[in-house]
Full PDB file with SEQRES, HELIX, SHEET, SSBOND, CRYST1, ORIGX, SCALE, CONECT and MASTER records, all heavy atoms in Angstrom:
SEQRES   1 A   40  THR ILE SER ARG ASP ASN ALA LEU ASN MET VAL PHE LEU          
SEQRES   2 A   40  GLU MET SER SER LEU LYS PRO GLU ASP THR ALA VAL TYR          
SEQRES   3 A   40  PHE CYS ARG ALA TYR THR ARG ARG THR ILE TYR TRP GLY          
SEQRES   4 A   40  GLN                                                          
HELIX    1 AA1 PRO A   20  ASP A   22  5                                   3    
SHEET    1 AA1 2 ILE A   2  ASP A   5  0                                        
SHEET    2 AA1 2 MET A  10  LEU A  13 -1                                        
SHEET    1 AA2 2 ARG A  29  TYR A  31  0                                        
SHEET    2 AA2 2 ILE A  36  TRP A  38 -1                                        
CRYST1    1.000    1.000    1.000  90.00  90.00  90.00 P 1           1          
ORIGX1      1.000000  0.000000  0.000000        0.00000                         
ORIGX2      0.000000  1.000000  0.000000        0.00000                         
ORIGX3      0.000000  0.000000  1.000000        0.00000                         
SCALE1      1.000000  0.000000  0.000000        0.00000                         
SCALE2      0.000000  1.000000  0.000000        0.00000                         
SCALE3      0.000000  0.000000  1.000000        0.00000                         
ATOM      1  N   THR A   1       0.845  -1.189   0.000  1.00  0.00           N  
ATOM      2  CA  THR A   1       0.000   0.000   0.000  1.00  0.00           C  
ATOM      3  C   THR A   1       0.879   1.237   0.000  1.00  0.00           C  
ATOM      4  O   THR A   1       1.730   1.403   0.884  1.00  0.00           O  
ATOM      5  CB  THR A   1      -0.916   0.035   1.234  1.00  0.00           C  
ATOM      6  OG1 THR A   1      -1.731  -1.147   1.261  1.00  0.00           O  
ATOM      7  CG2 THR A   1      -1.817   1.264   1.193  1.00  0.00           C  
ATOM      8  N   ILE A   2       0.668   2.090  -0.992  1.00  0.00           N  
ATOM      9  CA  ILE A   2       1.395   3.355  -1.059  1.00  0.00           C  
ATOM     10  C   ILE A   2       0.483   4.456  -0.531  1.00  0.00           C  
ATOM     11  O   ILE A   2      -0.729   4.456  -0.778  1.00  0.00           O  
ATOM     12  CB  ILE A   2       1.864   3.662  -2.498  1.00  0.00           C  
ATOM     13  CG1 ILE A   2       2.785   4.879  -2.523  1.00  0.00           C  
ATOM     14  CG2 ILE A   2       0.689   3.816  -3.456  1.00  0.00           C  
ATOM     15  CD1 ILE A   2       3.455   5.115  -3.880  1.00  0.00           C  
ATOM     16  N   SER A   3       1.063   5.376   0.224  1.00  0.00           N  
ATOM     17  CA  SER A   3       0.288   6.482   0.761  1.00  0.00           C  
ATOM     18  C   SER A   3       1.183   7.708   0.878  1.00  0.00           C  
ATOM     19  O   SER A   3       2.406   7.609   0.778  1.00  0.00           O  
ATOM     20  CB  SER A   3      -0.296   6.115   2.133  1.00  0.00           C  
ATOM     21  OG  SER A   3       0.730   5.845   3.067  1.00  0.00           O  
ATOM     22  N   ARG A   4       0.563   8.850   1.079  1.00  0.00           N  
ATOM     23  CA  ARG A   4       1.319  10.083   1.232  1.00  0.00           C  
ATOM     24  C   ARG A   4       0.706  10.925   2.336  1.00  0.00           C  
ATOM     25  O   ARG A   4      -0.496  10.876   2.580  1.00  0.00           O  
ATOM     26  CB  ARG A   4       1.361  10.860  -0.083  1.00  0.00           C  
ATOM     27  CG  ARG A   4       0.018  11.350  -0.585  1.00  0.00           C  
ATOM     28  CD  ARG A   4       0.152  11.935  -2.002  1.00  0.00           C  
ATOM     29  NE  ARG A   4       0.926  13.177  -2.006  1.00  0.00           N  
ATOM     30  CZ  ARG A   4       1.527  13.677  -3.085  1.00  0.00           C  
ATOM     31  NH1 ARG A   4       1.438  13.032  -4.250  1.00  0.00           N  
ATOM     32  NH2 ARG A   4       2.179  14.812  -3.018  1.00  0.00           N  
ATOM     33  N   ASP A   5       1.580  11.686   2.993  1.00  0.00           N  
ATOM     34  CA  ASP A   5       1.152  12.621   4.023  1.00  0.00           C  
ATOM     35  C   ASP A   5       1.676  13.988   3.614  1.00  0.00           C  
ATOM     36  O   ASP A   5       2.871  14.280   3.808  1.00  0.00           O  
ATOM     37  CB  ASP A   5       1.690  12.191   5.389  1.00  0.00           C  
ATOM     38  CG  ASP A   5       1.123  13.027   6.523  1.00  0.00           C  
ATOM     39  OD1 ASP A   5       0.885  14.232   6.322  1.00  0.00           O  
ATOM     40  OD2 ASP A   5       0.929  12.483   7.631  1.00  0.00           O  
ATOM     41  N   ASN A   6       0.817  14.798   3.044  1.00  0.00           N  
ATOM     42  CA  ASN A   6       1.251  16.097   2.539  1.00  0.00           C  
ATOM     43  C   ASN A   6       1.669  17.048   3.653  1.00  0.00           C  
ATOM     44  O   ASN A   6       2.447  17.976   3.421  1.00  0.00           O  
ATOM     45  CB  ASN A   6       0.146  16.723   1.699  1.00  0.00           C  
ATOM     46  CG  ASN A   6      -0.043  16.018   0.367  1.00  0.00           C  
ATOM     47  OD1 ASN A   6       0.722  15.131  -0.001  1.00  0.00           O  
ATOM     48  ND2 ASN A   6      -1.076  16.406  -0.362  1.00  0.00           N  
ATOM     49  N   ALA A   7       1.170  16.839   4.850  1.00  0.00           N  
ATOM     50  CA  ALA A   7       1.557  17.691   5.972  1.00  0.00           C  
ATOM     51  C   ALA A   7       2.987  17.403   6.415  1.00  0.00           C  
ATOM     52  O   ALA A   7       3.696  18.299   6.874  1.00  0.00           O  
ATOM     53  CB  ALA A   7       0.592  17.511   7.127  1.00  0.00           C  
ATOM     54  N   LEU A   8       3.400  16.149   6.285  1.00  0.00           N  
ATOM     55  CA  LEU A   8       4.743  15.746   6.707  1.00  0.00           C  
ATOM     56  C   LEU A   8       5.736  15.720   5.550  1.00  0.00           C  
ATOM     57  O   LEU A   8       6.928  15.504   5.775  1.00  0.00           O  
ATOM     58  CB  LEU A   8       4.700  14.357   7.344  1.00  0.00           C  
ATOM     59  CG  LEU A   8       3.903  14.214   8.635  1.00  0.00           C  
ATOM     60  CD1 LEU A   8       3.915  12.761   9.103  1.00  0.00           C  
ATOM     61  CD2 LEU A   8       4.470  15.128   9.719  1.00  0.00           C  
ATOM     62  N   ASN A   9       5.251  15.914   4.316  1.00  0.00           N  
ATOM     63  CA  ASN A   9       6.102  15.792   3.120  1.00  0.00           C  
ATOM     64  C   ASN A   9       6.729  14.403   3.036  1.00  0.00           C  
ATOM     65  O   ASN A   9       7.930  14.258   2.774  1.00  0.00           O  
ATOM     66  CB  ASN A   9       7.189  16.859   3.103  1.00  0.00           C  
ATOM     67  CG  ASN A   9       6.644  18.230   2.756  1.00  0.00           C  
ATOM     68  OD1 ASN A   9       5.435  18.418   2.651  1.00  0.00           O  
ATOM     69  ND2 ASN A   9       7.530  19.195   2.603  1.00  0.00           N  
ATOM     70  N   MET A  10       5.888  13.402   3.256  1.00  0.00           N  
ATOM     71  CA  MET A  10       6.403  12.029   3.241  1.00  0.00           C  
ATOM     72  C   MET A  10       5.481  11.106   2.455  1.00  0.00           C  
ATOM     73  O   MET A  10       4.277  11.326   2.366  1.00  0.00           O  
ATOM     74  CB  MET A  10       6.567  11.500   4.669  1.00  0.00           C  
ATOM     75  CG  MET A  10       7.628  12.238   5.465  1.00  0.00           C  
ATOM     76  SD  MET A  10       8.062  11.413   7.000  1.00  0.00           S  
ATOM     77  CE  MET A  10       8.957   9.994   6.384  1.00  0.00           C  
ATOM     78  N   VAL A  11       6.096  10.074   1.921  1.00  0.00           N  
ATOM     79  CA  VAL A  11       5.399   9.019   1.200  1.00  0.00           C  
ATOM     80  C   VAL A  11       5.798   7.699   1.843  1.00  0.00           C  
ATOM     81  O   VAL A  11       6.950   7.532   2.272  1.00  0.00           O  
ATOM     82  CB  VAL A  11       5.775   9.028  -0.295  1.00  0.00           C  
ATOM     83  CG1 VAL A  11       5.112   7.868  -1.029  1.00  0.00           C  
ATOM     84  CG2 VAL A  11       5.378  10.353  -0.925  1.00  0.00           C  
ATOM     85  N   PHE A  12       4.860   6.768   1.891  1.00  0.00           N  
ATOM     86  CA  PHE A  12       5.108   5.495   2.553  1.00  0.00           C  
ATOM     87  C   PHE A  12       4.771   4.330   1.631  1.00  0.00           C  
ATOM     88  O   PHE A  12       3.917   4.446   0.757  1.00  0.00           O  
ATOM     89  CB  PHE A  12       4.270   5.386   3.828  1.00  0.00           C  
ATOM     90  CG  PHE A  12       4.461   6.535   4.770  1.00  0.00           C  
ATOM     91  CD1 PHE A  12       3.570   7.594   4.795  1.00  0.00           C  
ATOM     92  CD2 PHE A  12       5.550   6.566   5.634  1.00  0.00           C  
ATOM     93  CE1 PHE A  12       3.747   8.663   5.656  1.00  0.00           C  
ATOM     94  CE2 PHE A  12       5.747   7.632   6.497  1.00  0.00           C  
ATOM     95  CZ  PHE A  12       4.851   8.684   6.511  1.00  0.00           C  
ATOM     96  N   LEU A  13       5.450   3.227   1.872  1.00  0.00           N  
ATOM     97  CA  LEU A  13       5.103   1.975   1.196  1.00  0.00           C  
ATOM     98  C   LEU A  13       5.002   0.903   2.271  1.00  0.00           C  
ATOM     99  O   LEU A  13       6.014   0.485   2.835  1.00  0.00           O  
ATOM    100  CB  LEU A  13       6.146   1.583   0.154  1.00  0.00           C  
ATOM    101  CG  LEU A  13       5.786   0.351  -0.669  1.00  0.00           C  
ATOM    102  CD1 LEU A  13       4.592   0.638  -1.582  1.00  0.00           C  
ATOM    103  CD2 LEU A  13       6.980  -0.114  -1.511  1.00  0.00           C  
ATOM    104  N   GLU A  14       3.779   0.506   2.553  1.00  0.00           N  
ATOM    105  CA  GLU A  14       3.534  -0.563   3.504  1.00  0.00           C  
ATOM    106  C   GLU A  14       3.564  -1.879   2.745  1.00  0.00           C  
ATOM    107  O   GLU A  14       2.813  -2.057   1.784  1.00  0.00           O  
ATOM    108  CB  GLU A  14       2.166  -0.388   4.169  1.00  0.00           C  
ATOM    109  CG  GLU A  14       2.004   0.892   4.952  1.00  0.00           C  
ATOM    110  CD  GLU A  14       2.440   0.744   6.405  1.00  0.00           C  
ATOM    111  OE1 GLU A  14       2.930  -0.349   6.771  1.00  0.00           O  
ATOM    112  OE2 GLU A  14       2.292   1.712   7.154  1.00  0.00           O  
ATOM    113  N   MET A  15       4.440  -2.782   3.162  1.00  0.00           N  
ATOM    114  CA  MET A  15       4.593  -4.056   2.475  1.00  0.00           C  
ATOM    115  C   MET A  15       4.279  -5.186   3.446  1.00  0.00           C  
ATOM    116  O   MET A  15       4.803  -5.219   4.556  1.00  0.00           O  
ATOM    117  CB  MET A  15       6.015  -4.216   1.940  1.00  0.00           C  
ATOM    118  CG  MET A  15       6.453  -3.066   1.030  1.00  0.00           C  
ATOM    119  SD  MET A  15       8.065  -3.345   0.281  1.00  0.00           S  
ATOM    120  CE  MET A  15       9.106  -3.279   1.729  1.00  0.00           C  
ATOM    121  N   SER A  16       3.433  -6.096   3.028  1.00  0.00           N  
ATOM    122  CA  SER A  16       3.088  -7.243   3.861  1.00  0.00           C  
ATOM    123  C   SER A  16       3.176  -8.521   3.038  1.00  0.00           C  
ATOM    124  O   SER A  16       3.312  -8.461   1.812  1.00  0.00           O  
ATOM    125  CB  SER A  16       1.683  -7.077   4.452  1.00  0.00           C  
ATOM    126  OG  SER A  16       0.724  -7.019   3.415  1.00  0.00           O  
ATOM    127  N   SER A  17       3.082  -9.652   3.723  1.00  0.00           N  
ATOM    128  CA  SER A  17       3.199 -10.959   3.058  1.00  0.00           C  
ATOM    129  C   SER A  17       4.415 -10.995   2.143  1.00  0.00           C  
ATOM    130  O   SER A  17       4.347 -11.440   0.992  1.00  0.00           O  
ATOM    131  CB  SER A  17       1.925 -11.265   2.258  1.00  0.00           C  
ATOM    132  OG  SER A  17       0.788 -11.256   3.093  1.00  0.00           O  
ATOM    133  N   LEU A  18       5.523 -10.517   2.660  1.00  0.00           N  
ATOM    134  CA  LEU A  18       6.730 -10.384   1.843  1.00  0.00           C  
ATOM    135  C   LEU A  18       7.276 -11.750   1.431  1.00  0.00           C  
ATOM    136  O   LEU A  18       7.197 -12.732   2.195  1.00  0.00           O  
ATOM    137  CB  LEU A  18       7.785  -9.586   2.588  1.00  0.00           C  
ATOM    138  CG  LEU A  18       7.519  -8.072   2.607  1.00  0.00           C  
ATOM    139  CD1 LEU A  18       8.342  -7.388   3.682  1.00  0.00           C  
ATOM    140  CD2 LEU A  18       7.827  -7.479   1.237  1.00  0.00           C  
ATOM    141  N   LYS A  19       7.820 -11.768   0.230  1.00  0.00           N  
ATOM    142  CA  LYS A  19       8.367 -12.983  -0.362  1.00  0.00           C  
ATOM    143  C   LYS A  19       9.848 -12.773  -0.661  1.00  0.00           C  
ATOM    144  O   LYS A  19      10.293 -11.623  -0.841  1.00  0.00           O  
ATOM    145  CB  LYS A  19       7.638 -13.305  -1.664  1.00  0.00           C  
ATOM    146  CG  LYS A  19       6.127 -13.376  -1.540  1.00  0.00           C  
ATOM    147  CD  LYS A  19       5.477 -13.531  -2.905  1.00  0.00           C  
ATOM    148  CE  LYS A  19       3.957 -13.532  -2.815  1.00  0.00           C  
ATOM    149  NZ  LYS A  19       3.324 -13.653  -4.148  1.00  0.00           N  
ATOM    150  N   PRO A  20      10.617 -13.847  -0.748  1.00  0.00           N  
ATOM    151  CA  PRO A  20      12.039 -13.684  -1.089  1.00  0.00           C  
ATOM    152  C   PRO A  20      12.234 -12.914  -2.392  1.00  0.00           C  
ATOM    153  O   PRO A  20      13.218 -12.157  -2.517  1.00  0.00           O  
ATOM    154  CB  PRO A  20      12.525 -15.129  -1.210  1.00  0.00           C  
ATOM    155  CG  PRO A  20      11.647 -15.886  -0.266  1.00  0.00           C  
ATOM    156  CD  PRO A  20      10.296 -15.238  -0.401  1.00  0.00           C  
ATOM    157  N   GLU A  21      11.334 -13.056  -3.339  1.00  0.00           N  
ATOM    158  CA  GLU A  21      11.478 -12.335  -4.608  1.00  0.00           C  
ATOM    159  C   GLU A  21      11.208 -10.833  -4.496  1.00  0.00           C  
ATOM    160  O   GLU A  21      11.394 -10.104  -5.469  1.00  0.00           O  
ATOM    161  CB  GLU A  21      10.564 -12.943  -5.680  1.00  0.00           C  
ATOM    162  CG  GLU A  21       9.120 -13.117  -5.269  1.00  0.00           C  
ATOM    163  CD  GLU A  21       8.828 -14.534  -4.781  1.00  0.00           C  
ATOM    164  OE1 GLU A  21       9.643 -15.096  -4.012  1.00  0.00           O  
ATOM    165  OE2 GLU A  21       7.749 -15.063  -5.162  1.00  0.00           O  
ATOM    166  N   ASP A  22      10.780 -10.382  -3.331  1.00  0.00           N  
ATOM    167  CA  ASP A  22      10.650  -8.935  -3.087  1.00  0.00           C  
ATOM    168  C   ASP A  22      11.991  -8.316  -2.692  1.00  0.00           C  
ATOM    169  O   ASP A  22      12.088  -7.094  -2.566  1.00  0.00           O  
ATOM    170  CB  ASP A  22       9.630  -8.668  -1.974  1.00  0.00           C  
ATOM    171  CG  ASP A  22       8.210  -9.051  -2.371  1.00  0.00           C  
ATOM    172  OD1 ASP A  22       7.819  -8.759  -3.523  1.00  0.00           O  
ATOM    173  OD2 ASP A  22       7.514  -9.647  -1.534  1.00  0.00           O  
ATOM    174  N   THR A  23      12.976  -9.139  -2.487  1.00  0.00           N  
ATOM    175  CA  THR A  23      14.311  -8.635  -2.139  1.00  0.00           C  
ATOM    176  C   THR A  23      14.852  -7.751  -3.244  1.00  0.00           C  
ATOM    177  O   THR A  23      14.906  -8.155  -4.406  1.00  0.00           O  
ATOM    178  CB  THR A  23      15.281  -9.808  -1.892  1.00  0.00           C  
ATOM    179  OG1 THR A  23      14.834 -10.545  -0.748  1.00  0.00           O  
ATOM    180  CG2 THR A  23      16.700  -9.293  -1.651  1.00  0.00           C  
ATOM    181  N   ALA A  24      15.227  -6.532  -2.887  1.00  0.00           N  
ATOM    182  CA  ALA A  24      15.706  -5.555  -3.871  1.00  0.00           C  
ATOM    183  C   ALA A  24      16.094  -4.278  -3.143  1.00  0.00           C  
ATOM    184  O   ALA A  24      15.827  -4.127  -1.947  1.00  0.00           O  
ATOM    185  CB  ALA A  24      14.615  -5.249  -4.894  1.00  0.00           C  
ATOM    186  N   VAL A  25      16.706  -3.375  -3.884  1.00  0.00           N  
ATOM    187  CA  VAL A  25      16.861  -2.009  -3.408  1.00  0.00           C  
ATOM    188  C   VAL A  25      15.625  -1.241  -3.871  1.00  0.00           C  
ATOM    189  O   VAL A  25      15.269  -1.277  -5.051  1.00  0.00           O  
ATOM    190  CB  VAL A  25      18.133  -1.344  -3.952  1.00  0.00           C  
ATOM    191  CG1 VAL A  25      18.230   0.102  -3.465  1.00  0.00           C  
ATOM    192  CG2 VAL A  25      19.364  -2.132  -3.520  1.00  0.00           C  
ATOM    193  N   TYR A  26      14.977  -0.575  -2.938  1.00  0.00           N  
ATOM    194  CA  TYR A  26      13.748   0.161  -3.228  1.00  0.00           C  
ATOM    195  C   TYR A  26      14.063   1.653  -3.298  1.00  0.00           C  
ATOM    196  O   TYR A  26      14.689   2.209  -2.394  1.00  0.00           O  
ATOM    197  CB  TYR A  26      12.697  -0.113  -2.155  1.00  0.00           C  
ATOM    198  CG  TYR A  26      12.045  -1.459  -2.318  1.00  0.00           C  
ATOM    199  CD1 TYR A  26      12.757  -2.627  -2.046  1.00  0.00           C  
ATOM    200  CD2 TYR A  26      10.738  -1.579  -2.776  1.00  0.00           C  
ATOM    201  CE1 TYR A  26      12.177  -3.878  -2.226  1.00  0.00           C  
ATOM    202  CE2 TYR A  26      10.150  -2.829  -2.953  1.00  0.00           C  
ATOM    203  CZ  TYR A  26      10.879  -3.965  -2.679  1.00  0.00           C  
ATOM    204  OH  TYR A  26      10.302  -5.197  -2.856  1.00  0.00           O  
ATOM    205  N   PHE A  27      13.616   2.274  -4.382  1.00  0.00           N  
ATOM    206  CA  PHE A  27      13.882   3.681  -4.638  1.00  0.00           C  
ATOM    207  C   PHE A  27      12.574   4.468  -4.658  1.00  0.00           C  
ATOM    208  O   PHE A  27      11.574   4.014  -5.229  1.00  0.00           O  
ATOM    209  CB  PHE A  27      14.565   3.862  -5.997  1.00  0.00           C  
ATOM    210  CG  PHE A  27      15.904   3.225  -6.114  1.00  0.00           C  
ATOM    211  CD1 PHE A  27      16.044   1.905  -6.535  1.00  0.00           C  
ATOM    212  CD2 PHE A  27      17.055   3.945  -5.811  1.00  0.00           C  
ATOM    213  CE1 PHE A  27      17.288   1.317  -6.656  1.00  0.00           C  
ATOM    214  CE2 PHE A  27      18.308   3.365  -5.928  1.00  0.00           C  
ATOM    215  CZ  PHE A  27      18.428   2.049  -6.345  1.00  0.00           C  
ATOM    216  N   CYS A  28      12.617   5.645  -4.109  1.00  0.00           N  
ATOM    217  CA  CYS A  28      11.497   6.581  -4.163  1.00  0.00           C  
ATOM    218  C   CYS A  28      11.800   7.626  -5.237  1.00  0.00           C  
ATOM    219  O   CYS A  28      12.935   8.105  -5.345  1.00  0.00           O  
ATOM    220  CB  CYS A  28      11.318   7.243  -2.806  1.00  0.00           C  
ATOM    221  SG  CYS A  28       9.986   8.470  -2.725  1.00  0.00           S  
ATOM    222  N   ARG A  29      10.788   7.957  -6.015  1.00  0.00           N  
ATOM    223  CA  ARG A  29      10.950   8.968  -7.054  1.00  0.00           C  
ATOM    224  C   ARG A  29       9.854  10.011  -6.900  1.00  0.00           C  
ATOM    225  O   ARG A  29       8.682   9.670  -6.764  1.00  0.00           O  
ATOM    226  CB  ARG A  29      10.859   8.327  -8.439  1.00  0.00           C  
ATOM    227  CG  ARG A  29      11.094   9.280  -9.575  1.00  0.00           C  
ATOM    228  CD  ARG A  29      11.005   8.582 -10.915  1.00  0.00           C  
ATOM    229  NE  ARG A  29       9.632   8.218 -11.245  1.00  0.00           N  
ATOM    230  CZ  ARG A  29       9.074   8.384 -12.443  1.00  0.00           C  
ATOM    231  NH1 ARG A  29       9.777   8.928 -13.421  1.00  0.00           N  
ATOM    232  NH2 ARG A  29       7.831   8.008 -12.674  1.00  0.00           N  
ATOM    233  N   ALA A  30      10.266  11.268  -6.957  1.00  0.00           N  
ATOM    234  CA  ALA A  30       9.335  12.392  -6.969  1.00  0.00           C  
ATOM    235  C   ALA A  30       9.352  12.985  -8.369  1.00  0.00           C  
ATOM    236  O   ALA A  30      10.423  13.202  -8.936  1.00  0.00           O  
ATOM    237  CB  ALA A  30       9.751  13.448  -5.950  1.00  0.00           C  
ATOM    238  N   TYR A  31       8.161  13.253  -8.943  1.00  0.00           N  
ATOM    239  CA  TYR A  31       8.180  13.732 -10.323  1.00  0.00           C  
ATOM    240  C   TYR A  31       6.984  14.601 -10.644  1.00  0.00           C  
ATOM    241  O   TYR A  31       5.898  14.481 -10.066  1.00  0.00           O  
ATOM    242  CB  TYR A  31       8.255  12.560 -11.303  1.00  0.00           C  
ATOM    243  CG  TYR A  31       7.017  11.682 -11.330  1.00  0.00           C  
ATOM    244  CD1 TYR A  31       6.022  11.880 -12.291  1.00  0.00           C  
ATOM    245  CD2 TYR A  31       6.841  10.657 -10.411  1.00  0.00           C  
ATOM    246  CE1 TYR A  31       4.894  11.086 -12.321  1.00  0.00           C  
ATOM    247  CE2 TYR A  31       5.716   9.854 -10.425  1.00  0.00           C  
ATOM    248  CZ  TYR A  31       4.743  10.066 -11.381  1.00  0.00           C  
ATOM    249  OH  TYR A  31       3.619   9.278 -11.409  1.00  0.00           O  
ATOM    250  N   THR A  32       7.248  15.510 -11.565  1.00  0.00           N  
ATOM    251  CA  THR A  32       6.200  16.240 -12.263  1.00  0.00           C  
ATOM    252  C   THR A  32       6.462  16.022 -13.752  1.00  0.00           C  
ATOM    253  O   THR A  32       7.345  15.245 -14.126  1.00  0.00           O  
ATOM    254  CB  THR A  32       6.238  17.740 -11.936  1.00  0.00           C  
ATOM    255  OG1 THR A  32       7.470  18.294 -12.441  1.00  0.00           O  
ATOM    256  CG2 THR A  32       6.162  17.997 -10.443  1.00  0.00           C  
ATOM    257  N   ARG A  33       5.754  16.736 -14.605  1.00  0.00           N  
ATOM    258  CA  ARG A  33       6.005  16.593 -16.037  1.00  0.00           C  
ATOM    259  C   ARG A  33       7.392  17.078 -16.403  1.00  0.00           C  
ATOM    260  O   ARG A  33       7.961  16.676 -17.420  1.00  0.00           O  
ATOM    261  CB  ARG A  33       4.948  17.362 -16.820  1.00  0.00           C  
ATOM    262  CG  ARG A  33       3.572  16.734 -16.778  1.00  0.00           C  
ATOM    263  CD  ARG A  33       2.588  17.494 -17.648  1.00  0.00           C  
ATOM    264  NE  ARG A  33       1.266  16.883 -17.636  1.00  0.00           N  
ATOM    265  CZ  ARG A  33       0.233  17.366 -18.300  1.00  0.00           C  
ATOM    266  NH1 ARG A  33       0.351  18.445 -19.054  1.00  0.00           N  
ATOM    267  NH2 ARG A  33      -0.942  16.748 -18.227  1.00  0.00           N  
ATOM    268  N   ARG A  34       7.943  17.986 -15.608  1.00  0.00           N  
ATOM    269  CA  ARG A  34       9.208  18.616 -15.979  1.00  0.00           C  
ATOM    270  C   ARG A  34      10.382  18.184 -15.109  1.00  0.00           C  
ATOM    271  O   ARG A  34      11.535  18.413 -15.484  1.00  0.00           O  
ATOM    272  CB  ARG A  34       9.074  20.132 -15.893  1.00  0.00           C  
ATOM    273  CG  ARG A  34       8.033  20.704 -16.813  1.00  0.00           C  
ATOM    274  CD  ARG A  34       7.923  22.209 -16.649  1.00  0.00           C  
ATOM    275  NE  ARG A  34       6.928  22.789 -17.545  1.00  0.00           N  
ATOM    276  CZ  ARG A  34       6.606  24.074 -17.562  1.00  0.00           C  
ATOM    277  NH1 ARG A  34       7.196  24.909 -16.747  1.00  0.00           N  
ATOM    278  NH2 ARG A  34       5.693  24.518 -18.395  1.00  0.00           N  
ATOM    279  N   THR A  35      10.121  17.615 -13.958  1.00  0.00           N  
ATOM    280  CA  THR A  35      11.190  17.390 -12.993  1.00  0.00           C  
ATOM    281  C   THR A  35      11.110  15.996 -12.395  1.00  0.00           C  
ATOM    282  O   THR A  35      10.020  15.509 -12.115  1.00  0.00           O  
ATOM    283  CB  THR A  35      11.094  18.423 -11.847  1.00  0.00           C  
ATOM    284  OG1 THR A  35      10.977  19.729 -12.415  1.00  0.00           O  
ATOM    285  CG2 THR A  35      12.326  18.376 -10.974  1.00  0.00           C  
ATOM    286  N   ILE A  36      12.267  15.395 -12.203  1.00  0.00           N  
ATOM    287  CA  ILE A  36      12.341  14.088 -11.557  1.00  0.00           C  
ATOM    288  C   ILE A  36      13.461  14.112 -10.522  1.00  0.00           C  
ATOM    289  O   ILE A  36      14.568  14.590 -10.809  1.00  0.00           O  
ATOM    290  CB  ILE A  36      12.635  12.971 -12.574  1.00  0.00           C  
ATOM    291  CG1 ILE A  36      11.484  12.829 -13.567  1.00  0.00           C  
ATOM    292  CG2 ILE A  36      12.868  11.642 -11.856  1.00  0.00           C  
ATOM    293  CD1 ILE A  36      11.768  11.827 -14.678  1.00  0.00           C  
ATOM    294  N   TYR A  37      13.158  13.603  -9.352  1.00  0.00           N  
ATOM    295  CA  TYR A  37      14.170  13.436  -8.307  1.00  0.00           C  
ATOM    296  C   TYR A  37      14.098  12.007  -7.776  1.00  0.00           C  
ATOM    297  O   TYR A  37      13.016  11.514  -7.458  1.00  0.00           O  
ATOM    298  CB  TYR A  37      13.941  14.410  -7.144  1.00  0.00           C  
ATOM    299  CG  TYR A  37      14.015  15.859  -7.534  1.00  0.00           C  
ATOM    300  CD1 TYR A  37      12.871  16.648  -7.622  1.00  0.00           C  
ATOM    301  CD2 TYR A  37      15.238  16.461  -7.824  1.00  0.00           C  
ATOM    302  CE1 TYR A  37      12.935  17.979  -7.980  1.00  0.00           C  
ATOM    303  CE2 TYR A  37      15.307  17.793  -8.192  1.00  0.00           C  
ATOM    304  CZ  TYR A  37      14.154  18.541  -8.269  1.00  0.00           C  
ATOM    305  OH  TYR A  37      14.224  19.867  -8.633  1.00  0.00           O  
ATOM    306  N   TRP A  38      15.282  11.397  -7.672  1.00  0.00           N  
ATOM    307  CA  TRP A  38      15.386  10.044  -7.142  1.00  0.00           C  
ATOM    308  C   TRP A  38      16.072  10.061  -5.788  1.00  0.00           C  
ATOM    309  O   TRP A  38      16.986  10.858  -5.552  1.00  0.00           O  
ATOM    310  CB  TRP A  38      16.227   9.171  -8.070  1.00  0.00           C  
ATOM    311  CG  TRP A  38      15.571   8.752  -9.331  1.00  0.00           C  
ATOM    312  CD1 TRP A  38      15.650   9.373 -10.548  1.00  0.00           C  
ATOM    313  CD2 TRP A  38      14.768   7.582  -9.535  1.00  0.00           C  
ATOM    314  NE1 TRP A  38      14.934   8.667 -11.486  1.00  0.00           N  
ATOM    315  CE2 TRP A  38      14.386   7.560 -10.895  1.00  0.00           C  
ATOM    316  CE3 TRP A  38      14.331   6.542  -8.707  1.00  0.00           C  
ATOM    317  CZ2 TRP A  38      13.593   6.549 -11.444  1.00  0.00           C  
ATOM    318  CZ3 TRP A  38      13.549   5.538  -9.245  1.00  0.00           C  
ATOM    319  CH2 TRP A  38      13.175   5.541 -10.602  1.00  0.00           C  
ATOM    320  N   GLY A  39      15.673   9.152  -4.935  1.00  0.00           N  
ATOM    321  CA  GLY A  39      16.403   8.922  -3.711  1.00  0.00           C  
ATOM    322  C   GLY A  39      17.546   7.953  -3.956  1.00  0.00           C  
ATOM    323  O   GLY A  39      17.727   7.445  -5.064  1.00  0.00           O  
ATOM    324  N   GLN A  40      18.288   7.678  -2.898  1.00  0.00           N  
ATOM    325  CA  GLN A  40      19.473   6.828  -3.019  1.00  0.00           C  
ATOM    326  C   GLN A  40      19.150   5.351  -2.843  1.00  0.00           C  
ATOM    327  O   GLN A  40      19.986   4.499  -3.127  1.00  0.00           O  
ATOM    328  CB  GLN A  40      20.529   7.247  -1.982  1.00  0.00           C  
ATOM    329  CG  GLN A  40      20.332   6.675  -0.579  1.00  0.00           C  
ATOM    330  CD  GLN A  40      19.121   7.256   0.153  1.00  0.00           C  
ATOM    331  OE1 GLN A  40      18.557   8.273  -0.247  1.00  0.00           O  
ATOM    332  NE2 GLN A  40      18.733   6.615   1.252  1.00  0.00           N  
TER     333      GLN A  40                                                      
MASTER        0    0    0    1    4    0    0    6  332    1    0    4          
END                                                                             
């Protein structure tokens, strides 16, 4: 489940029933039509 809190300027990803194939580096991206920012 993805959600956002505009008051806190935060986005969340709640993950449940995790599987070994979910193993990865997870990146957050902020974007508009003109701008993209990636996290590390």
